[in-house]
C-alpha atoms as a PDB file:
ATOM      1  CA  UNK A   1     -11.962   8.134  -7.320  1.00  0.00           C
ATOM      2  CA  UNK A   2     -12.955   4.886  -5.689  1.00  0.00           C
ATOM      3  CA  UNK A   3     -12.270   2.037  -8.069  1.00  0.00           C
ATOM      4  CA  UNK A   4      -9.385   0.507  -9.930  1.00  0.00           C
ATOM      5  CA  UNK A   5     -11.399   0.777 -13.151  1.00  0.00           C
ATOM      6  CA  UNK A   6     -11.774   4.531 -12.596  1.00  0.00           C
ATOM      7  CA  UNK A   7      -8.014   4.842 -12.094  1.00  0.00           C
ATOM      8  CA  UNK A   8      -7.301   2.837 -15.228  1.00  0.00           C
ATOM      9  CA  UNK A   9      -9.679   5.092 -17.176  1.00  0.00           C
ATOM     10  CA  UNK A  10      -7.425   8.068 -16.370  1.00  0.00           C
ATOM     11  CA  UNK A  11      -4.588   6.403 -18.264  1.00  0.00           C
ATOM     12  CA  UNK A  12      -5.995   7.799 -21.507  1.00  0.00           C
ATOM     13  CA  UNK A  13      -5.118  11.304 -20.324  1.00  0.00           C
ATOM     14  CA  UNK A  14      -1.798  13.110 -20.744  1.00  0.00           C
ATOM     15  CA  UNK A  15      -0.952  13.494 -17.026  1.00  0.00           C
ATOM     16  CA  UNK A  16      -2.064  12.105 -13.675  1.00  0.00           C
ATOM     17  CA  UNK A  17      -4.183  14.130 -11.283  1.00  0.00           C
ATOM     18  CA  UNK A  18      -1.837  16.587  -9.547  1.00  0.00           C
ATOM     19  CA  UNK A  19      -3.712  16.133  -6.266  1.00  0.00           C
ATOM     20  CA  UNK A  20      -2.681  12.479  -6.007  1.00  0.00           C
ATOM     21  CA  UNK A  21       0.164  11.553  -3.686  1.00  0.00           C
ATOM     22  CA  UNK A  22       3.494  10.743  -5.347  1.00  0.00           C
ATOM     23  CA  UNK A  23       3.173   6.930  -5.001  1.00  0.00           C
ATOM     24  CA  UNK A  24      -0.132   6.914  -6.902  1.00  0.00           C
ATOM     25  CA  UNK A  25       1.198   9.274  -9.581  1.00  0.00           C
ATOM     26  CA  UNK A  26       4.247   7.015  -9.860  1.00  0.00           C
ATOM     27  CA  UNK A  27       2.035   3.999 -10.525  1.00  0.00           C
ATOM     28  CA  UNK A  28       0.150   6.021 -13.139  1.00  0.00           C
ATOM     29  CA  UNK A  29       3.385   6.800 -15.003  1.00  0.00           C
ATOM     30  CA  UNK A  30       4.492   3.193 -14.702  1.00  0.00           C
ATOM     31  CA  UNK A  31       1.244   2.042 -16.309  1.00  0.00           C
ATOM     32  CA  UNK A  32       1.874   4.505 -19.129  1.00  0.00           C
ATOM     33  CA  UNK A  33       5.263   2.867 -19.753  1.00  0.00           C
ATOM     34  CA  UNK A  34       7.399   5.630 -18.233  1.00  0.00           C
ATOM     35  CA  UNK A  35       9.416   3.659 -15.647  1.00  0.00           C
ATOM     36  CA  UNK A  36      12.012   6.403 -15.255  1.00  0.00           C
ATOM     37  CA  UNK A  37       9.465   9.092 -14.432  1.00  0.00           C
ATOM     38  CA  UNK A  38       7.674   6.694 -12.086  1.00  0.00           C
ATOM     39  CA  UNK A  39      10.961   5.979 -10.323  1.00  0.00           C
ATOM     40  CA  UNK A  40      11.906   9.657 -10.085  1.00  0.00           C
ATOM     41  CA  UNK A  41       8.682  10.414  -8.195  1.00  0.00           C
ATOM     42  CA  UNK A  42       9.480   7.993  -5.355  1.00  0.00           C
ATOM     43  CA  UNK A  43      13.270   7.840  -5.483  1.00  0.00           C
ATOM     44  CA  UNK A  44      13.969  10.526  -2.884  1.00  0.00           C
ATOM     45  CA  UNK A  45      10.963   9.927  -0.624  1.00  0.00           C
ATOM     46  CA  UNK A  46      11.482   8.190   2.712  1.00  0.00           C
ATOM     47  CA  UNK A  47       7.980   7.041   3.710  1.00  0.00           C
ATOM     48  CA  UNK A  48       6.772   3.431   3.625  1.00  0.00           C
ATOM     49  CA  UNK A  49       4.297   4.048   0.775  1.00  0.00           C
ATOM     50  CA  UNK A  50       7.007   5.384  -1.512  1.00  0.00           C
ATOM     51  CA  UNK A  51       9.321   2.538  -0.476  1.00  0.00           C
ATOM     52  CA  UNK A  52       6.669  -0.017  -1.439  1.00  0.00           C
ATOM     53  CA  UNK A  53       6.236   1.511  -4.904  1.00  0.00           C
ATOM     54  CA  UNK A  54      10.020   1.828  -5.187  1.00  0.00           C
ATOM     55  CA  UNK A  55      10.322  -1.906  -4.404  1.00  0.00           C
ATOM     56  CA  UNK A  56       7.751  -2.787  -7.055  1.00  0.00           C
ATOM     57  CA  UNK A  57       9.560  -0.659  -9.647  1.00  0.00           C
ATOM     58  CA  UNK A  58      12.921  -2.312  -8.970  1.00  0.00           C
ATOM     59  CA  UNK A  59      11.271  -5.726  -9.070  1.00  0.00           C
ATOM     60  CA  UNK A  60       9.810  -4.790 -12.443  1.00  0.00           C
ATOM     61  CA  UNK A  61      13.245  -3.629 -13.560  1.00  0.00           C
ATOM     62  CA  UNK A  62      14.582  -7.088 -12.675  1.00  0.00           C
ATOM     63  CA  UNK A  63      16.766  -5.923  -9.773  1.00  0.00           C
ATOM     64  CA  UNK A  64      15.634  -8.374  -7.099  1.00  0.00           C
ATOM     65  CA  UNK A  65      18.320  -7.379  -4.585  1.00  0.00           C
ATOM     66  CA  UNK A  66      17.399  -3.685  -4.739  1.00  0.00           C
ATOM     67  CA  UNK A  67      13.694  -4.554  -4.659  1.00  0.00           C
ATOM     68  CA  UNK A  68      14.296  -6.592  -1.504  1.00  0.00           C
ATOM     69  CA  UNK A  69      15.950  -3.626   0.162  1.00  0.00           C
ATOM     70  CA  UNK A  70      12.933  -1.402  -0.591  1.00  0.00           C
ATOM     71  CA  UNK A  71      10.401  -4.056   0.480  1.00  0.00           C
ATOM     72  CA  UNK A  72      12.198  -4.211   3.835  1.00  0.00           C
ATOM     73  CA  UNK A  73      12.104  -0.398   4.118  1.00  0.00           C
ATOM     74  CA  UNK A  74       8.369  -0.532   3.348  1.00  0.00           C
ATOM     75  CA  UNK A  75       7.806  -3.246   5.957  1.00  0.00           C
ATOM     76  CA  UNK A  76       6.392  -5.543   3.273  1.00  0.00           C
ATOM     77  CA  UNK A  77       7.338  -9.075   2.257  1.00  0.00           C
ATOM     78  CA  UNK A  78       8.991  -9.503  -1.123  1.00  0.00           C
ATOM     79  CA  UNK A  79       6.097  -9.820  -3.572  1.00  0.00           C
ATOM     80  CA  UNK A  80       5.376 -13.163  -5.204  1.00  0.00           C
ATOM     81  CA  UNK A  81       2.345 -12.029  -7.223  1.00  0.00           C
ATOM     82  CA  UNK A  82       2.701 -11.147 -10.875  1.00  0.00           C
ATOM     83  CA  UNK A  83       3.786  -7.590 -11.601  1.00  0.00           C
ATOM     84  CA  UNK A  84       0.303  -6.777 -12.886  1.00  0.00           C
ATOM     85  CA  UNK A  85      -1.271  -8.151  -9.722  1.00  0.00           C
ATOM     86  CA  UNK A  86       1.105  -6.213  -7.506  1.00  0.00           C
ATOM     87  CA  UNK A  87       0.482  -3.003  -9.472  1.00  0.00           C
ATOM     88  CA  UNK A  88      -3.256  -3.439  -8.968  1.00  0.00           C
ATOM     89  CA  UNK A  89      -2.780  -4.204  -5.268  1.00  0.00           C
ATOM     90  CA  UNK A  90      -0.743  -1.024  -4.857  1.00  0.00           C
ATOM     91  CA  UNK A  91      -3.283   1.126  -6.706  1.00  0.00           C
ATOM     92  CA  UNK A  92      -6.205  -0.318  -4.736  1.00  0.00           C
ATOM     93  CA  UNK A  93      -4.314   0.257  -1.495  1.00  0.00           C
ATOM     94  CA  UNK A  94      -3.612   3.916  -2.266  1.00  0.00           C
ATOM     95  CA  UNK A  95      -7.100   4.579  -3.639  1.00  0.00           C
ATOM     96  CA  UNK A  96      -8.605   3.235  -0.422  1.00  0.00           C
ATOM     97  CA  UNK A  97      -7.125   6.020   1.657  1.00  0.00           C
END
C-alpha cells in the first residue's frame, strides 16, 4: 500500500491488515471510531512511533498534558495541526516505510 487513499479504502473492511505494525493498525481503529482499541494497541509499546500515535490519541481525547508527555517521548513537537491533518500525517509517515 502506497497512498493515503489506499489506506482509507481499507476502512470499509472489518479489520486492519494483520501485517501492519501496531501504530498503523491503531490509526485504522481510530478512524473507525474505536479510540479504546486504538489506544490499547500502542499503550504498552515503548518505541517512538507508538509514542507519537499515543500522543495523537490523547490529544484527540482532550488530555493535552498527557499528549504532551507522549509527544516528548516520541521526540515530536506538540501538534498544532487539526486532528484530521495529524492523523493523515501519521498514516503517510508509516505508509512511507
